Structure formats: structure tokens, C-alpha cells
Protein backbone atom coordinates (compact mmCIF):
# COMPACT_ATOMS: atom_id res chain seq x y z
CA MET A 1 0.00 0.00 0.00
CA LYS A 2 1.41 3.34 -1.06
CA THR A 3 1.01 6.22 1.40
CA ASN A 4 1.33 9.97 1.08
CA ASP A 5 3.69 12.14 3.15
CA ILE A 6 1.41 12.07 6.21
CA GLY A 7 0.96 8.29 6.17
CA LEU A 8 -2.52 8.05 4.67
CA GLU A 9 -3.27 5.66 1.82
CA ALA A 10 -2.51 7.62 -1.37
CA LYS A 11 -5.33 6.21 -3.50
CA GLU A 12 -7.97 7.05 -0.89
CA SER A 13 -6.43 10.49 -0.35
CA LYS A 14 -6.77 11.17 -4.08
CA VAL A 15 -10.55 10.66 -3.81
CA LEU A 16 -10.64 12.98 -0.81
CA VAL A 17 -8.60 15.60 -2.70
CA GLU A 18 -11.25 15.59 -5.45
CA LYS A 19 -13.98 16.20 -2.87
CA LEU A 20 -11.92 18.95 -1.23
CA ASN A 21 -11.37 20.58 -4.63
CA THR A 22 -15.14 20.58 -5.15
CA LEU A 23 -15.47 22.26 -1.76
CA LEU A 24 -12.73 24.75 -2.69
CA ALA A 25 -14.46 25.66 -5.96
CA ASN A 26 -17.77 26.21 -4.19
CA TYR A 27 -16.09 28.27 -1.48
CA GLN A 28 -14.52 30.56 -4.09
CA ILE A 29 -17.84 31.29 -5.79
CA TYR A 30 -19.53 31.74 -2.40
CA TYR A 31 -16.72 34.16 -1.43
CA GLN A 32 -17.19 36.19 -4.60
CA ASN A 33 -20.96 36.27 -4.10
CA LEU A 34 -20.38 37.71 -0.63
CA ARG A 35 -18.06 40.38 -2.05
CA ASN A 36 -20.74 41.25 -4.60
CA PHE A 37 -23.38 41.57 -1.87
CA HIS A 38 -21.06 43.56 0.39
CA TRP A 39 -20.37 46.05 -2.40
CA ASN A 40 -23.93 46.31 -3.68
CA VAL A 41 -26.23 46.06 -0.67
CA SER A 42 -28.42 49.11 -0.05
CA GLY A 43 -31.55 50.06 1.81
CA PRO A 44 -32.62 50.22 5.44
CA ASN A 45 -30.53 47.17 6.45
CA PHE A 46 -27.39 48.46 4.73
CA PHE A 47 -25.18 48.87 7.79
CA GLU A 48 -25.89 45.50 9.39
CA LEU A 49 -25.76 43.54 6.12
CA HIS A 50 -22.69 45.36 4.82
CA ALA A 51 -20.85 44.38 8.01
CA LYS A 52 -22.24 40.81 8.07
CA PHE A 53 -21.25 40.15 4.44
CA GLU A 54 -17.73 41.41 5.21
CA GLU A 55 -17.52 39.14 8.28
CA LEU A 56 -18.66 36.16 6.21
CA TYR A 57 -16.29 36.79 3.28
CA THR A 58 -13.37 37.22 5.68
CA THR A 59 -14.17 33.84 7.21
CA ALA A 60 -14.65 32.31 3.75
CA ASN A 61 -11.27 33.65 2.64
CA GLU A 62 -9.58 31.95 5.60
CA SER A 63 -11.42 28.70 4.83
CA VAL A 64 -10.37 28.82 1.17
CA ASP A 65 -6.74 28.97 2.29
CA GLU A 66 -7.19 26.15 4.81
CA VAL A 67 -8.91 23.87 2.29
CA ALA A 68 -6.21 24.53 -0.33
CA GLU A 69 -3.50 23.79 2.22
CA ARG A 70 -5.26 20.58 3.27
CA ILE A 71 -5.32 19.49 -0.39
CA LEU A 72 -1.58 20.11 -0.57
CA THR A 73 -1.03 18.25 2.71
CA LEU A 74 -2.80 15.23 1.21
CA GLY A 75 -0.49 15.36 -1.82
CA GLY A 76 -2.93 16.98 -4.24
CA ARG A 77 -3.10 20.17 -6.26
CA PRO A 78 -5.74 22.74 -5.34
CA LEU A 79 -7.79 24.23 -8.14
CA SER A 80 -6.57 27.75 -8.70
CA SER A 81 -8.38 29.50 -11.54
CA TYR A 82 -11.85 30.98 -11.80
CA GLY A 83 -12.50 28.77 -14.82
CA GLU A 84 -11.82 25.70 -12.66
CA TYR A 85 -13.95 27.10 -9.85
CA ILE A 86 -16.94 27.78 -12.07
CA GLU A 87 -16.60 24.39 -13.77
CA ASN A 88 -16.49 22.53 -10.43
CA SER A 89 -18.96 24.57 -8.38
CA SER A 90 -22.63 23.91 -7.88
CA ILE A 91 -22.94 27.37 -6.32
CA VAL A 92 -23.63 29.82 -9.13
CA GLU A 93 -22.42 33.36 -9.43
CA ALA A 94 -24.90 35.88 -8.07
CA LYS A 95 -25.32 38.53 -10.72
CA GLU A 96 -27.17 41.80 -10.25
CA VAL A 97 -29.00 40.84 -7.07
CA ALA A 98 -30.33 44.16 -5.79
CA ASP A 99 -32.81 43.09 -3.11
CA SER A 100 -31.16 42.67 0.31
CA LYS A 101 -33.56 39.88 1.34
CA LYS A 102 -32.66 37.92 -1.81
CA MET A 103 -28.98 38.43 -0.95
CA VAL A 104 -29.50 36.90 2.50
CA GLU A 105 -31.51 34.04 0.98
CA ALA A 106 -28.70 33.40 -1.52
CA VAL A 107 -26.08 33.38 1.24
CA ARG A 108 -28.14 30.88 3.25
CA GLU A 109 -28.59 28.68 0.16
CA ASN A 110 -24.84 28.87 -0.59
CA LEU A 111 -24.04 27.92 3.00
CA ASN A 112 -26.35 24.91 2.80
CA THR A 113 -24.57 23.80 -0.37
CA LEU A 114 -21.21 24.09 1.42
CA LEU A 115 -22.61 22.20 4.42
CA ASN A 116 -23.71 19.30 2.20
CA ILE A 117 -20.26 19.07 0.62
CA GLU A 118 -18.52 19.35 4.00
CA ARG A 119 -20.63 16.53 5.39
CA GLU A 120 -19.63 14.34 2.42
CA VAL A 121 -15.97 15.23 2.91
CA LEU A 122 -16.22 14.53 6.65
CA GLU A 123 -17.76 11.09 6.03
CA SER A 124 -15.13 10.20 3.46
CA ALA A 125 -12.29 11.45 5.67
CA ALA A 126 -13.62 9.49 8.65
CA GLU A 127 -13.70 6.29 6.59
CA GLN A 128 -10.04 6.87 5.68
CA GLY A 129 -8.92 7.68 9.21
CA ASP A 130 -7.99 11.23 8.17
CA GLU A 131 -8.49 12.99 11.50
CA GLY A 132 -7.04 16.29 10.23
CA THR A 133 -9.70 16.65 7.55
CA VAL A 134 -12.42 15.36 9.89
CA THR A 135 -11.57 18.05 12.46
CA LEU A 136 -11.47 20.80 9.84
CA MET A 137 -14.85 19.79 8.41
CA SER A 138 -16.40 19.38 11.85
CA ASP A 139 -15.36 22.92 12.79
CA TYR A 140 -16.71 24.31 9.50
CA ILE A 141 -20.02 22.48 9.88
CA THR A 142 -20.55 23.69 13.44
CA ALA A 143 -19.86 27.31 12.50
CA LYS A 144 -22.00 27.23 9.35
CA GLU A 145 -24.98 25.66 11.06
CA LYS A 146 -25.04 28.59 13.49
CA VAL A 147 -24.85 31.13 10.66
CA VAL A 148 -27.65 29.37 8.75
CA TRP A 149 -29.77 29.46 11.91
CA MET A 150 -29.08 33.20 12.33
CA LEU A 151 -29.82 34.01 8.70
CA SER A 152 -33.04 31.99 8.91
CA ALA A 153 -34.08 33.96 12.00
CA TYR A 154 -33.27 37.20 10.15
CA LEU A 155 -35.49 36.17 7.23
CA ARG A 156 -38.55 35.35 9.38
């Protein structure tokens, strides 16, 4: 059995790298959607949403880096172009969304997409005994579930 640099089975890690690259692609489009909303939000909720979108894209930016570094740790190559991101993302680019409520709904939908992918990655990593990826995904899932709950409360 061939292993990677951190002692995990290389063939299984390759499958996990593919899943992490899917997560990375979705994170990048989510990140850009948040930047779009941050720049273009207006109306009576401007101040709170402008700040919230900035908080979320800052967190997303950190996660993008962590996911890419995890891919490298597993011996893979992180996707690194917008063409690759768009091709591998199920989150679509938000274009010309002007209504702040629709922005919040889109963010919640994007987060749920990321949650679904993270749960798949976590399950796959657990099966492979990849505790590093399991911990990363567990932390992401916990944080996102809270944000989804808050956004849902905001939308009621």
C-alpha cells in the first residue's frame, strides 16, 4: 500500500482531494458572491448587512486557504483559476441581485450547499482515518450551522 507524506493511503487520499477541490471551488464562488453583496447592498438594512457580508467573506477567505492547504497536505493540487472554480462549483455566481432579502436568501442557500459538501468530505475522511480533515470539516459544519440558523431567524 502506497502512502502519502502524512501516512494516509494515497489512492484514498486522491478521492478525498477531489472532494476537497469541489469544496474549494464552491467556497470561491460563495466568497465572490459575498463580495458582490457587500459592495452592492443598499436600503434600510445596509449597515448590518454590509458588516455581516464582510464578516462572512473574511471567514470564507480563511477557509479557502485552509482547504487549499489541506489538499496540498494530502499530496494533491488545489484548483486555482476561476474557470476551474466555475466548472467545479454547484454554487452559481450571483449577478445583479439588488434586493437585500434575496442576498440573505442566496447566502443561506450557498451555506447549505457548502454544508452538504462538508458533510460528504467529513464522512469520506472518517472512513479513511484522516483525522485532520475530519476536524477541519467538523469545525466548519458547526460554525455554518449557526450562521444558517441566524440568517433563517433574520429572514422570518
